[in-house]
Amino acid sequence: MSSTTSFPSDLAIAQDCQMQHINTIASKLGIETDLLEHYGKYKAKIPLSLIDAEKIKKSKLILVTAITPTPAGEGKTTTSIGLHEGLAKIGKKSVVVLREPSLGPVFGMKGGAAGGGYSQVVPMEDINLHFTGDFSAIEKANNLLSALIDNNLQAKGEKNLHLDPRKIYWKRVIDMNDRALRQITIGLGGIGNGIPREEGFNITAASEVMAILCMCENIADLKEKLGNIFVGFTLDNQPIYACDLKAEGPMAVLLKDAIKPNLVQTLEGNPAIIHGGPFANIAQGTNTIIATKMGMSLGDYVVTEAGFGADLGAEKFLNIKCGYAGLTPATIVLVATIRALKHHGGATKEEYNIPSVEKVAAGICNLEKHIENARKFGLQPVVSINHFYKDTEEEVQFVLEHCAKLGVKAVVSKGWERGGDGMIDLANAVVETIENSTETFKPLYDWKASVKSKIETIAKEIYGATGVNYDAKAETDLKRIQSLGLDVLPVCMAKTQKSFSDNENLVGRPTNFNVTVREFEFAAGAGFIIPILGNMLRMPGLPLIPASEGMDMDENGVISGLS
C-alpha cells in the first residue's frame, strides 16, 4: 500500500467514483432491465428466477479466506473485490458475491465491509448503512416472532400453548452494538403489559432468521425453515416451534424482498452481488446460498469470501454451506499480511510496522497450518499477500520463498493501491491453479457422525487441538439436542477469531492444548448445532471511542468519517 499521508481515504475514493447506472451493470451479466427491482440509480434486487442449475455446474467458485487475523482484519473483502477486478482485466466473466455489513461494526471499531482503497463496492455509504433494508427486514421478522411469543403467554383458552416463561430461548435483535440489552427484564408495569420475564437482545447478524435467509434456497424453503425455529418448552416440557405459533407465514411476508440478492458495482464498473451478513465467530459467516448460486448462474468465475480466519468462516462454508447447497469450490485464496505474520511471531501492535524477517519467520507457522487445512478439504490454495506500504522486500520475499517450498503459489496483491491492475498476477495464479487442479473437494466430516465426533474432528484437524472438554452445562444441552433429534445436523463452532484455540492469547500455531465446549445452542430452522467455546457474546459492546464519533454529514447530505 502507498503511504497513507498521500493516499485518499476509502470514503473519498468511493465518493469520487463515477458510477454507472445499475441497468448498465445488469446488462454485463445479461440481465434484462425489466427484471430488476430498482433502489435508485445504483442498486437493484435480482429475481430468484435467474438461478440456473445447469450454469452453476460450469461456473468456478473461488473462496477467499485468511490466516488468523489481527483485530483490524487482513483484507479478505478488499482482496475478493480486487481479485474480481483482476479476473475482469484478464478477460474472464467474473462476479463477486459478498456479505452485507452490519451497523454494529460500522459504528463500533472495525468499520464497514465494502472493501478498501481502490478495491471497493459502491455506493459505499449506502452499502455500509441501510442498503436495501435487508437487515431491517430480518430484524422485524425476528421480533415479530418475539411479539407472538409474549402475546401467547397471556392468551386465553386453546390459543395458549402453555409456554414456560423460564424456558423461552428466542431473543429479540437489533443491528447495533448495545451491551445494555444483553440481559433485560420485560413485561413490567402491570397485567396489561404482558408477563414479566427475563429477556435479551442479540445483534441482528447473530439472529437465526439471518442464518435461515442465508441457508434457504427459495420461498418455500424459507417458510419451512422459519417454521422449524425452536422457541422453547411448555410447562410440561414439550418443545414449541415457530410453526406452533403460525409465525412462518407472516415472518416470510416481512422477508419477501430481503430474500432477493442485491446487485451493485465495483469501482471499475464490474458487477457485484451482496446479500446476507452473518458473523463468522458466532454464526456461519458467509453470504446466502441464493446469492452464491445467482453469481454462479451469471458468471464463469465467482469470487466469494467467508468471515475471519479459515478456521472459522471457511470451515463453516465448506462443511455446512457447501453441504446444504451442493457446492464444489474450485480453489481457496488465503489472504495473509506481513503485519499478521509478525503478530503471530510475537510482535506487539506497536511493532507491526517495524521491519523484521525474524518475526515473520516465527509467525509463518500460522499460514502453514491454514494451508494444511485447505488441503484436507481436497483444495489447492493460493496465497495472496495483501501488500502494505511498510512491508519490506525482504519480508515479502521470505513469504514467497517459503510458500514455494510448500508447493503453494503465493502472489503479492496490490488491489488496495491499484485496483484491478494490482491483482492481475493473483487472477492469473488463481485461474492457473483451477485449470491444473487434480484434487477433489471433500467435506471434513460426515453429518451422521455423533455430535462429539464432529466437534473433535474440527478441533483436532482444523485447530490442532489435542482433545475436547465439555462443561456440565454442555453435557446437559447435548442431551436436549439429542432428545429433539437434532444431533444429525452439522456443527457451527462459536469460537474466538484471534486464535486456532479457544484462548485468544495463543497466537501462531498453538500445540498441546484442549478446547472446552462451555454450552450448546442450536438453530433448528437454519440447520446446525452451535457448540460455544469460551465466553462468546451475541451482542457486542461499543469501544471507548466508537467510530461513530468521527462521522458527520453536511447540509448537502455528503457523509464524512465513514470507513
Protein backbone atom coordinates (compact mmCIF):
# COMPACT_ATOMS: atom_id res chain seq x y z
CA MET A 1 0.00 0.00 0.00
CA SER A 2 1.16 3.54 -0.67
CA SER A 3 1.97 5.97 2.07
CA THR A 4 -1.22 6.89 3.89
CA THR A 5 -0.04 10.51 4.13
CA SER A 6 -0.74 10.99 0.41
CA PHE A 7 -3.41 8.35 -0.18
CA PRO A 8 -7.09 9.38 -0.10
CA SER A 9 -9.47 7.76 2.37
CA ASP A 10 -11.72 4.88 1.37
CA LEU A 11 -14.71 7.20 1.57
CA ALA A 12 -13.05 9.86 -0.58
CA ILE A 13 -12.18 7.27 -3.24
CA ALA A 14 -15.73 5.91 -3.21
CA GLN A 15 -17.30 9.39 -3.42
CA ASP A 16 -15.03 10.25 -6.36
CA CYS A 17 -16.21 7.23 -8.36
CA GLN A 18 -18.33 7.97 -11.43
CA MET A 19 -20.82 5.14 -11.02
CA GLN A 20 -22.61 3.57 -13.96
CA HIS A 21 -26.39 3.16 -13.91
CA ILE A 22 -27.37 -0.20 -12.46
CA ASN A 23 -29.06 -1.06 -15.79
CA THR A 24 -25.65 -0.92 -17.44
CA ILE A 25 -24.15 -3.18 -14.77
CA ALA A 26 -27.02 -5.67 -15.18
CA SER A 27 -26.52 -5.75 -18.95
CA LYS A 28 -22.95 -7.00 -18.40
CA LEU A 29 -24.48 -10.12 -16.86
CA GLY A 30 -27.17 -10.44 -19.50
CA ILE A 31 -29.96 -9.36 -17.12
CA GLU A 32 -32.87 -7.56 -18.78
CA THR A 33 -33.76 -4.20 -17.25
CA ASP A 34 -37.40 -5.18 -16.72
CA LEU A 35 -36.30 -7.95 -14.36
CA LEU A 36 -34.63 -5.53 -11.95
CA GLU A 37 -36.29 -4.04 -8.88
CA HIS A 38 -34.62 -0.64 -8.65
CA TYR A 39 -33.50 1.03 -5.44
CA GLY A 40 -32.47 4.30 -7.04
CA LYS A 41 -29.91 4.52 -9.86
CA TYR A 42 -27.17 2.32 -8.44
CA LYS A 43 -28.81 -0.57 -6.57
CA ALA A 44 -31.28 -3.24 -7.59
CA LYS A 45 -32.79 -6.52 -6.47
CA ILE A 46 -32.45 -9.56 -8.76
CA PRO A 47 -35.25 -12.15 -9.12
CA LEU A 48 -34.63 -15.72 -7.98
CA SER A 49 -35.85 -16.94 -11.37
CA LEU A 50 -32.38 -16.18 -12.82
CA ILE A 51 -30.77 -19.03 -10.87
CA ASP A 52 -29.85 -21.73 -13.40
CA ALA A 53 -28.76 -25.16 -12.15
CA GLU A 54 -27.01 -26.08 -15.41
CA LYS A 55 -24.93 -22.89 -15.49
CA ILE A 56 -23.95 -23.40 -11.85
CA LYS A 57 -22.32 -26.71 -12.76
CA LYS A 58 -19.96 -24.94 -15.20
CA SER A 59 -19.04 -21.94 -13.03
CA LYS A 60 -15.82 -21.87 -10.97
CA LEU A 61 -16.31 -20.95 -7.31
CA ILE A 62 -13.36 -19.25 -5.59
CA LEU A 63 -13.44 -18.93 -1.78
CA VAL A 64 -11.41 -16.09 -0.26
CA THR A 65 -10.43 -16.59 3.37
CA ALA A 66 -7.48 -15.62 5.56
CA ILE A 67 -4.95 -16.56 8.16
CA THR A 68 -5.86 -15.91 11.80
CA PRO A 69 -6.46 -12.14 11.75
CA THR A 70 -5.35 -9.19 13.81
CA PRO A 71 -8.21 -7.05 15.23
CA ALA A 72 -8.20 -4.82 12.14
CA GLY A 73 -8.67 -7.75 9.73
CA GLU A 74 -6.37 -8.75 6.89
CA GLY A 75 -8.37 -7.57 3.88
CA LYS A 76 -10.49 -10.50 2.67
CA THR A 77 -13.21 -8.28 1.23
CA THR A 78 -10.66 -5.96 -0.38
CA THR A 79 -8.88 -8.98 -1.86
CA SER A 80 -12.16 -10.51 -3.07
CA ILE A 81 -13.18 -7.33 -4.86
CA GLY A 82 -9.67 -6.79 -6.23
CA LEU A 83 -9.47 -10.39 -7.49
CA HIS A 84 -12.79 -9.89 -9.26
CA GLU A 85 -11.41 -6.75 -10.92
CA GLY A 86 -8.24 -8.65 -11.85
CA LEU A 87 -10.21 -11.51 -13.41
CA ALA A 88 -12.13 -8.96 -15.48
CA LYS A 89 -8.82 -7.42 -16.56
CA ILE A 90 -7.66 -10.78 -18.00
CA GLY A 91 -10.92 -11.25 -19.87
CA LYS A 92 -12.88 -13.52 -17.53
CA LYS A 93 -16.61 -13.14 -16.92
CA SER A 94 -16.45 -12.77 -13.17
CA VAL A 95 -18.86 -11.91 -10.37
CA VAL A 96 -18.00 -11.11 -6.75
CA VAL A 97 -20.54 -12.23 -4.12
CA LEU A 98 -20.21 -10.70 -0.64
CA ARG A 99 -21.98 -10.28 2.70
CA GLU A 100 -23.82 -7.14 3.75
CA PRO A 101 -22.21 -5.05 6.51
CA SER A 102 -23.73 -4.85 9.98
CA LEU A 103 -24.19 -1.43 11.58
CA GLY A 104 -22.58 -2.76 14.77
CA PRO A 105 -19.02 -2.84 13.38
CA VAL A 106 -19.68 0.22 11.17
CA PHE A 107 -20.33 2.43 14.20
CA GLY A 108 -18.12 0.41 16.54
CA MET A 109 -14.47 -0.35 15.91
CA LYS A 110 -13.91 -2.47 12.81
CA GLY A 111 -15.73 -0.28 10.30
CA GLY A 112 -17.73 -1.25 7.24
CA ALA A 113 -17.35 -4.12 4.82
CA ALA A 114 -17.33 -2.62 1.34
CA GLY A 115 -13.62 -3.23 0.69
CA GLY A 116 -10.91 -0.60 0.81
CA GLY A 117 -8.71 1.69 -1.25
CA TYR A 118 -9.22 1.07 -4.97
CA SER A 119 -10.90 -2.29 -4.41
CA GLN A 120 -14.35 -1.31 -3.21
CA VAL A 121 -18.01 -1.85 -3.99
CA VAL A 122 -20.19 1.22 -4.40
CA PRO A 123 -22.30 3.13 -3.43
CA MET A 124 -20.15 2.64 -0.35
CA GLU A 125 -22.22 4.77 2.03
CA ASP A 126 -25.47 3.02 1.14
CA ILE A 127 -23.96 -0.47 1.38
CA ASN A 128 -22.45 0.25 4.81
CA LEU A 129 -25.61 1.87 6.16
CA HIS A 130 -29.23 0.79 5.50
CA PHE A 131 -28.55 -0.51 1.95
CA THR A 132 -31.82 -2.03 0.62
CA GLY A 133 -33.31 -2.70 4.05
CA ASP A 134 -32.48 -6.42 4.30
CA PHE A 135 -31.12 -6.19 7.85
CA SER A 136 -34.19 -4.22 8.92
CA ALA A 137 -36.49 -6.87 7.45
CA ILE A 138 -34.59 -9.64 9.24
CA GLU A 139 -34.81 -7.68 12.49
CA LYS A 140 -38.56 -7.16 12.08
CA ALA A 141 -39.20 -10.83 11.24
CA ASN A 142 -37.19 -11.91 14.28
CA ASN A 143 -39.01 -9.52 16.58
CA LEU A 144 -42.41 -10.42 15.18
CA LEU A 145 -41.80 -13.95 16.48
CA SER A 146 -40.83 -12.44 19.85
CA ALA A 147 -44.06 -10.44 19.95
CA LEU A 148 -46.10 -13.55 19.08
CA ILE A 149 -44.40 -15.48 21.88
CA ASP A 150 -45.18 -12.85 24.51
CA ASN A 151 -48.70 -12.45 23.18
CA ASN A 152 -49.29 -16.18 23.53
CA LEU A 153 -48.12 -16.19 27.14
CA GLN A 154 -51.27 -14.31 28.16
CA ALA A 155 -53.65 -15.82 25.58
CA LYS A 156 -56.86 -17.42 26.81
CA GLY A 157 -58.17 -20.93 26.26
CA GLU A 158 -56.96 -23.18 23.47
CA LYS A 159 -54.78 -20.46 21.92
CA ASN A 160 -52.43 -20.61 24.91
CA LEU A 161 -49.56 -23.02 24.21
CA HIS A 162 -48.61 -23.02 27.92
CA LEU A 163 -45.05 -21.90 27.25
CA ASP A 164 -42.85 -21.86 30.31
CA PRO A 165 -41.56 -18.24 30.61
CA ARG A 166 -38.38 -19.64 32.20
CA LYS A 167 -37.68 -21.86 29.19
CA ILE A 168 -38.04 -19.48 26.25
CA TYR A 169 -34.79 -19.42 24.26
CA TRP A 170 -35.74 -16.99 21.49
CA LYS A 171 -34.33 -13.46 21.82
CA ARG A 172 -35.06 -10.14 20.22
CA VAL A 173 -32.45 -8.49 17.95
CA ILE A 174 -31.23 -5.05 16.92
CA ASP A 175 -28.49 -4.18 14.44
CA MET A 176 -26.33 -2.18 16.83
CA ASN A 177 -23.64 -2.82 19.42
CA ASP A 178 -25.51 -2.26 22.70
CA ARG A 179 -24.22 -4.20 25.70
CA ALA A 180 -27.03 -2.87 27.95
CA LEU A 181 -29.51 -5.05 26.06
CA ARG A 182 -27.76 -8.38 26.64
CA GLN A 183 -29.88 -9.20 29.70
CA ILE A 184 -33.12 -7.32 30.35
CA THR A 185 -36.49 -7.78 32.03
CA ILE A 186 -39.69 -7.25 30.06
CA GLY A 187 -43.42 -7.21 30.80
CA LEU A 188 -43.23 -4.87 33.79
CA GLY A 189 -45.89 -2.30 34.60
CA GLY A 190 -48.94 -4.42 35.26
CA ILE A 191 -51.10 -7.09 33.71
CA GLY A 192 -51.78 -5.06 30.56
CA ASN A 193 -48.09 -5.07 29.63
CA GLY A 194 -47.62 -8.82 29.43
CA ILE A 195 -45.96 -11.47 31.57
CA PRO A 196 -42.77 -10.32 33.34
CA ARG A 197 -39.78 -12.45 32.35
CA GLU A 198 -36.08 -12.27 31.63
CA GLU A 199 -35.18 -11.49 28.02
CA GLY A 200 -32.23 -10.26 25.99
CA PHE A 201 -31.14 -8.92 22.63
CA ASN A 202 -28.68 -10.36 20.11
CA ILE A 203 -27.20 -8.34 17.28
CA THR A 204 -29.13 -8.87 14.03
CA ALA A 205 -26.19 -10.61 12.35
CA ALA A 206 -26.47 -13.34 15.00
CA SER A 207 -30.21 -13.89 14.52
CA GLU A 208 -31.32 -17.33 13.38
CA VAL A 209 -33.52 -15.50 10.87
CA MET A 210 -30.29 -14.18 9.30
CA ALA A 211 -28.89 -17.72 9.26
CA ILE A 212 -32.08 -19.05 7.69
CA LEU A 213 -32.10 -16.37 4.98
CA CYS A 214 -28.54 -17.40 4.17
CA MET A 215 -29.31 -21.14 4.11
CA CYS A 216 -32.63 -21.20 2.23
CA GLU A 217 -32.99 -21.95 -1.48
CA ASN A 218 -36.38 -20.39 -2.25
CA ILE A 219 -39.54 -19.01 -0.62
CA ALA A 220 -41.00 -22.44 0.20
CA ASP A 221 -37.72 -23.46 1.83
CA LEU A 222 -37.62 -20.14 3.70
CA LYS A 223 -41.06 -20.73 5.21
CA GLU A 224 -40.24 -24.31 6.18
CA LYS A 225 -37.04 -23.25 7.92
CA LEU A 226 -38.76 -20.36 9.70
CA GLY A 227 -41.43 -22.74 10.94
CA ASN A 228 -38.72 -25.04 12.34
CA ILE A 229 -37.29 -22.36 14.64
CA PHE A 230 -37.18 -23.73 18.17
CA VAL A 231 -38.84 -21.33 20.62
CA GLY A 232 -38.76 -23.10 23.99
CA PHE A 233 -40.58 -25.63 26.16
CA THR A 234 -44.08 -25.82 27.64
CA LEU A 235 -44.77 -26.17 31.34
CA ASP A 236 -44.85 -29.95 30.84
CA ASN A 237 -41.55 -29.83 28.90
CA GLN A 238 -42.84 -30.23 25.35
CA PRO A 239 -40.95 -28.40 22.58
CA ILE A 240 -42.58 -25.44 20.85
CA TYR A 241 -41.58 -24.25 17.38
CA ALA A 242 -42.42 -21.11 15.40
CA CYS A 243 -44.91 -23.09 13.32
CA ASP A 244 -46.90 -23.78 16.51
CA LEU A 245 -47.42 -20.01 16.72
CA LYS A 246 -48.28 -19.88 12.99
CA ALA A 247 -45.37 -17.46 12.63
CA GLU A 248 -43.66 -18.72 9.48
CA GLY A 249 -46.10 -17.11 7.03
CA PRO A 250 -46.05 -13.55 8.40
CA MET A 251 -42.28 -13.77 9.00
CA ALA A 252 -41.80 -14.75 5.36
CA VAL A 253 -44.00 -11.83 4.30
CA LEU A 254 -41.58 -9.46 6.03
CA LEU A 255 -38.71 -11.12 4.13
CA LYS A 256 -40.34 -11.08 0.68
CA ASP A 257 -37.84 -8.55 -0.67
CA ALA A 258 -34.92 -9.44 1.60
CA ILE A 259 -34.72 -12.92 0.03
CA LYS A 260 -33.72 -11.37 -3.31
CA PRO A 261 -29.98 -10.67 -3.83
CA ASN A 262 -28.72 -7.12 -4.29
CA LEU A 263 -26.83 -6.01 -7.40
CA VAL A 264 -24.28 -3.18 -7.15
CA GLN A 265 -20.91 -2.46 -8.78
CA THR A 266 -17.21 -2.18 -8.09
CA LEU A 267 -15.18 0.99 -8.56
CA GLU A 268 -14.23 -0.29 -12.01
CA GLY A 269 -17.83 -0.92 -13.03
CA ASN A 270 -17.90 -4.69 -12.64
CA PRO A 271 -20.99 -6.47 -11.24
CA ALA A 272 -21.15 -7.31 -7.53
CA ILE A 273 -23.84 -9.22 -5.64
CA ILE A 274 -24.23 -8.53 -1.91
CA HIS A 275 -26.65 -10.50 0.24
CA GLY A 276 -26.92 -11.65 3.87
CA GLY A 277 -24.49 -10.91 6.66
CA PRO A 278 -23.94 -13.43 9.49
CA PHE A 279 -20.79 -13.09 11.60
CA ALA A 280 -18.30 -15.96 11.38
CA ASN A 281 -17.28 -16.33 15.04
CA ILE A 282 -20.85 -16.86 16.29
CA ALA A 283 -22.68 -17.82 13.07
CA GLN A 284 -21.84 -19.34 9.67
CA GLY A 285 -20.09 -16.24 8.29
CA THR A 286 -20.97 -16.50 4.60
CA ASN A 287 -23.39 -14.81 2.22
CA THR A 288 -26.60 -16.51 1.12
CA ILE A 289 -26.81 -19.75 -0.84
CA ILE A 290 -29.18 -17.88 -3.15
CA ALA A 291 -26.61 -15.14 -3.87
CA THR A 292 -23.78 -17.59 -4.46
CA LYS A 293 -25.91 -19.64 -6.85
CA MET A 294 -27.07 -16.43 -8.53
CA GLY A 295 -23.46 -15.42 -9.12
CA MET A 296 -22.63 -18.85 -10.49
CA SER A 297 -25.64 -18.65 -12.81
CA LEU A 298 -24.43 -15.35 -14.23
CA GLY A 299 -20.62 -15.62 -14.25
CA ASP A 300 -17.92 -18.09 -15.27
CA TYR A 301 -15.82 -17.27 -12.19
CA VAL A 302 -17.42 -16.37 -8.85
CA VAL A 303 -15.35 -14.86 -6.04
CA THR A 304 -16.83 -15.07 -2.57
CA GLU A 305 -15.48 -14.68 0.96
CA ALA A 306 -16.01 -16.22 4.39
CA GLY A 307 -15.53 -14.26 7.61
CA PHE A 308 -12.49 -14.15 9.92
CA GLY A 309 -9.77 -16.80 9.60
CA ALA A 310 -10.12 -20.02 7.60
CA ASP A 311 -10.60 -21.99 10.83
CA LEU A 312 -13.97 -20.20 11.23
CA GLY A 313 -15.67 -18.86 8.09
CA ALA A 314 -14.02 -21.18 5.57
CA GLU A 315 -14.53 -24.29 7.70
CA LYS A 316 -18.24 -23.45 8.01
CA PHE A 317 -18.54 -22.57 4.32
CA LEU A 318 -17.02 -25.91 3.33
CA ASN A 319 -18.67 -28.18 5.90
CA ILE A 320 -22.10 -26.52 6.23
CA LYS A 321 -22.94 -24.26 3.30
CA CYS A 322 -21.46 -26.49 0.62
CA GLY A 323 -23.20 -29.48 2.18
CA TYR A 324 -26.64 -27.90 2.08
CA ALA A 325 -26.18 -26.17 -1.29
CA GLY A 326 -24.29 -28.92 -3.10
CA LEU A 327 -21.48 -26.50 -3.98
CA THR A 328 -17.97 -27.52 -5.01
CA PRO A 329 -15.31 -24.79 -4.65
CA ALA A 330 -12.56 -24.77 -7.25
CA THR A 331 -9.87 -23.25 -5.02
CA ILE A 332 -9.21 -21.26 -1.86
CA VAL A 333 -7.39 -17.93 -1.72
CA LEU A 334 -5.66 -17.49 1.64
CA VAL A 335 -5.10 -13.81 2.45
CA ALA A 336 -2.02 -13.11 4.54
CA THR A 337 -0.39 -9.87 5.60
CA ILE A 338 3.14 -9.25 6.79
CA ARG A 339 1.78 -7.49 9.87
CA ALA A 340 -0.36 -10.52 10.83
CA LEU A 341 2.59 -12.87 10.37
CA LYS A 342 4.61 -10.63 12.67
CA HIS A 343 1.72 -10.67 15.15
CA HIS A 344 1.80 -14.47 15.19
CA GLY A 345 5.56 -14.28 15.53
CA GLY A 346 5.25 -12.38 18.79
CA ALA A 347 5.22 -8.76 17.61
CA THR A 348 3.16 -6.24 19.57
CA LYS A 349 0.80 -3.85 17.79
CA GLU A 350 3.47 -1.14 18.08
CA GLU A 351 5.93 -3.43 16.27
CA TYR A 352 3.73 -4.30 13.26
CA ASN A 353 5.44 -1.70 11.05
CA ILE A 354 8.99 -2.37 12.25
CA PRO A 355 10.82 -4.49 9.65
CA SER A 356 11.61 -7.97 10.99
CA VAL A 357 12.10 -11.04 8.85
CA GLU A 358 12.68 -12.92 12.11
CA LYS A 359 9.19 -12.10 13.39
CA VAL A 360 7.68 -13.05 10.02
CA ALA A 361 9.56 -16.35 10.10
CA ALA A 362 8.35 -17.02 13.63
CA GLY A 363 4.72 -16.38 12.62
CA ILE A 364 4.69 -18.23 9.29
CA CYS A 365 3.53 -21.34 11.16
CA ASN A 366 0.03 -19.86 11.27
CA LEU A 367 -0.09 -19.65 7.48
CA GLU A 368 1.34 -23.16 7.21
CA LYS A 369 -1.50 -24.57 9.30
CA HIS A 370 -4.16 -22.84 7.18
CA ILE A 371 -2.52 -24.23 4.03
CA GLU A 372 -2.58 -27.73 5.53
CA ASN A 373 -6.25 -27.29 6.44
CA ALA A 374 -7.22 -26.24 2.90
CA ARG A 375 -5.58 -29.36 1.53
CA LYS A 376 -7.55 -31.52 3.97
CA PHE A 377 -10.66 -30.50 2.01
CA GLY A 378 -9.01 -31.54 -1.24
CA LEU A 379 -8.40 -27.93 -2.30
CA GLN A 380 -5.13 -26.45 -3.50
CA PRO A 381 -4.86 -22.93 -2.04
CA VAL A 382 -3.32 -19.79 -3.48
CA VAL A 383 -1.73 -17.37 -1.01
CA SER A 384 -2.45 -13.68 -1.53
CA ILE A 385 -0.02 -11.38 0.29
CA ASN A 386 -2.12 -8.25 0.86
CA HIS A 387 0.58 -5.61 0.46
CA PHE A 388 1.04 -2.71 2.88
CA TYR A 389 3.33 0.21 2.12
CA LYS A 390 5.65 -0.55 5.07
CA ASP A 391 6.21 -4.17 4.05
CA THR A 392 9.87 -4.64 3.14
CA GLU A 393 11.07 -6.56 0.10
CA GLU A 394 12.96 -8.97 2.36
CA GLU A 395 9.85 -9.80 4.39
CA VAL A 396 7.71 -10.35 1.32
CA GLN A 397 10.39 -12.42 -0.40
CA PHE A 398 10.66 -14.68 2.65
CA VAL A 399 6.93 -15.49 2.43
CA LEU A 400 7.07 -16.07 -1.33
CA GLU A 401 10.00 -18.46 -1.00
CA HIS A 402 8.51 -20.26 2.00
CA CYS A 403 5.23 -20.88 0.15
CA ALA A 404 7.16 -22.15 -2.87
CA LYS A 405 8.84 -24.74 -0.63
CA LEU A 406 5.36 -25.84 0.46
CA GLY A 407 4.27 -26.21 -3.16
CA VAL A 408 1.85 -23.31 -2.99
CA LYS A 409 1.60 -20.31 -5.32
CA ALA A 410 1.98 -17.03 -3.45
CA VAL A 411 1.34 -13.67 -5.07
CA VAL A 412 1.79 -10.09 -3.89
CA SER A 413 -1.58 -8.36 -4.20
CA LYS A 414 -1.89 -4.60 -4.55
CA GLY A 415 -5.62 -4.22 -5.05
CA TRP A 416 -5.96 -1.63 -2.28
CA GLU A 417 -3.43 0.62 -4.00
CA ARG A 418 -4.02 -0.14 -7.69
CA GLY A 419 -7.39 -1.86 -8.08
CA GLY A 420 -7.63 -4.47 -10.80
CA ASP A 421 -4.20 -3.62 -12.22
CA GLY A 422 -2.67 -4.64 -8.90
CA MET A 423 -4.47 -8.00 -8.92
CA ILE A 424 -3.71 -9.37 -12.39
CA ASP A 425 -0.95 -11.65 -11.08
CA LEU A 426 -3.30 -13.11 -8.47
CA ALA A 427 -6.05 -13.56 -11.07
CA ASN A 428 -3.68 -15.45 -13.36
CA ALA A 429 -2.43 -17.60 -10.47
CA VAL A 430 -5.98 -18.48 -9.43
CA VAL A 431 -7.04 -19.41 -12.97
CA GLU A 432 -3.89 -21.48 -13.48
CA THR A 433 -4.40 -23.29 -10.17
CA ILE A 434 -8.01 -24.11 -11.06
CA GLU A 435 -7.10 -25.34 -14.54
CA ASN A 436 -4.28 -27.53 -13.27
CA SER A 437 -6.04 -28.91 -10.22
CA THR A 438 -6.46 -32.68 -9.97
CA GLU A 439 -7.86 -32.56 -6.44
CA THR A 440 -11.45 -33.40 -5.48
CA PHE A 441 -13.29 -31.36 -2.86
CA LYS A 442 -14.49 -33.32 0.14
CA PRO A 443 -16.10 -32.21 3.43
CA LEU A 444 -14.18 -32.91 6.61
CA TYR A 445 -16.80 -34.98 8.43
CA ASP A 446 -19.97 -36.99 7.94
CA TRP A 447 -23.06 -35.22 9.30
CA LYS A 448 -24.36 -38.60 10.50
CA ALA A 449 -21.45 -38.95 12.95
CA SER A 450 -22.09 -38.20 16.62
CA VAL A 451 -22.02 -34.56 17.73
CA LYS A 452 -18.89 -35.11 19.79
CA SER A 453 -17.18 -36.86 16.88
CA LYS A 454 -17.92 -33.91 14.57
CA ILE A 455 -16.61 -31.43 17.13
CA GLU A 456 -13.47 -33.44 17.78
CA THR A 457 -12.77 -33.71 14.05
CA ILE A 458 -12.86 -29.93 13.69
CA ALA A 459 -10.92 -29.34 16.91
CA LYS A 460 -8.16 -31.81 16.09
CA GLU A 461 -7.92 -31.46 12.31
CA ILE A 462 -8.56 -27.71 11.89
CA TYR A 463 -7.49 -26.19 15.20
CA GLY A 464 -4.72 -28.67 16.01
CA ALA A 465 -6.15 -29.41 19.47
CA THR A 466 -5.22 -32.49 21.46
CA GLY A 467 -8.78 -33.03 22.66
CA VAL A 468 -12.12 -31.53 23.66
CA ASN A 469 -13.53 -30.97 27.16
CA TYR A 470 -17.23 -30.50 27.93
CA ASP A 471 -18.60 -28.47 30.83
CA ALA A 472 -21.58 -29.85 32.76
CA LYS A 473 -23.96 -27.42 31.05
CA ALA A 474 -22.71 -28.55 27.64
CA GLU A 475 -23.44 -32.18 28.54
CA THR A 476 -26.97 -31.23 29.62
CA ASP A 477 -27.52 -29.19 26.45
CA LEU A 478 -26.28 -32.08 24.32
CA LYS A 479 -28.87 -34.40 25.84
CA ARG A 480 -31.57 -31.87 24.89
CA ILE A 481 -30.25 -31.72 21.32
CA GLN A 482 -30.32 -35.49 21.08
CA SER A 483 -33.85 -35.70 22.53
CA LEU A 484 -35.05 -33.27 19.84
CA GLY A 485 -33.44 -35.38 17.10
CA LEU A 486 -31.08 -32.60 16.04
CA ASP A 487 -27.81 -34.49 16.53
CA VAL A 488 -27.66 -35.31 12.79
CA LEU A 489 -27.05 -31.63 11.95
CA PRO A 490 -23.62 -30.16 11.10
CA VAL A 491 -21.85 -28.10 13.76
CA CYS A 492 -21.23 -24.35 13.64
CA MET A 493 -18.46 -23.61 16.13
CA ALA A 494 -18.65 -20.37 18.13
CA LYS A 495 -15.04 -19.52 18.96
CA THR A 496 -12.67 -16.60 19.23
CA GLN A 497 -11.34 -15.45 15.86
CA LYS A 498 -8.00 -14.48 17.39
CA SER A 499 -6.52 -17.95 17.78
CA PHE A 500 -6.76 -21.50 16.48
CA SER A 501 -7.54 -22.38 20.09
CA ASP A 502 -10.31 -21.08 22.35
CA ASN A 503 -7.75 -18.90 24.14
CA GLU A 504 -7.26 -15.67 22.20
CA ASN A 505 -3.79 -15.21 23.67
CA LEU A 506 -2.40 -18.33 21.97
CA VAL A 507 -1.21 -16.91 18.66
CA GLY A 508 0.79 -18.57 15.90
CA ARG A 509 0.18 -22.31 15.75
CA PRO A 510 -0.64 -23.50 19.27
CA THR A 511 0.12 -27.09 20.23
CA ASN A 512 -0.68 -29.39 23.16
CA PHE A 513 -3.96 -27.68 24.04
CA ASN A 514 -7.54 -28.75 24.63
CA VAL A 515 -10.63 -26.73 23.74
CA THR A 516 -13.64 -26.56 26.06
CA VAL A 517 -17.27 -26.57 24.97
CA ARG A 518 -18.98 -24.43 27.59
CA GLU A 519 -22.54 -24.90 26.32
CA PHE A 520 -24.58 -25.62 23.22
CA GLU A 521 -27.13 -23.63 21.28
CA PHE A 522 -28.85 -24.85 18.16
CA ALA A 523 -30.55 -23.39 15.10
CA ALA A 524 -33.19 -25.98 14.23
CA GLY A 525 -34.52 -23.80 11.42
CA ALA A 526 -31.18 -22.92 9.85
CA GLY A 527 -29.99 -26.47 10.35
CA PHE A 528 -26.93 -26.56 12.58
CA ILE A 529 -25.76 -27.10 16.15
CA ILE A 530 -23.70 -24.38 17.84
CA PRO A 531 -21.01 -25.50 20.31
CA ILE A 532 -19.87 -22.44 22.26
CA LEU A 533 -16.17 -22.34 23.14
CA GLY A 534 -15.30 -19.71 25.70
CA ASN A 535 -17.30 -16.59 26.50
CA MET A 536 -18.76 -15.71 23.10
CA LEU A 537 -21.12 -12.74 23.01
CA ARG A 538 -24.02 -12.46 20.56
CA MET A 539 -24.42 -8.79 21.45
CA PRO A 540 -21.14 -6.84 21.19
CA GLY A 541 -20.49 -3.58 23.01
CA LEU A 542 -19.10 -0.32 21.67
CA PRO A 543 -15.43 0.56 22.31
CA LEU A 544 -14.42 3.52 24.48
CA ILE A 545 -14.07 5.67 21.36
CA PRO A 546 -16.56 4.31 18.80
CA ALA A 547 -16.13 5.00 15.09
CA SER A 548 -19.40 6.93 15.22
CA GLU A 549 -17.63 9.85 16.93
CA GLY A 550 -15.81 10.63 13.70
CA MET A 551 -18.91 10.61 11.47
CA ASP A 552 -20.94 13.55 10.26
CA MET A 553 -22.99 14.84 7.34
CA ASP A 554 -23.03 18.30 5.75
CA GLU A 555 -26.04 20.32 4.57
CA ASN A 556 -25.83 18.69 1.14
CA GLY A 557 -26.09 15.21 2.61
CA VAL A 558 -22.42 14.37 2.00
CA ILE A 559 -21.18 11.93 4.64
CA SER A 560 -17.75 12.12 6.25
CA GLY A 561 -15.88 9.79 8.59
CA LEU A 562 -17.34 6.51 7.31
CA SER A 563 -14.84 3.70 6.75
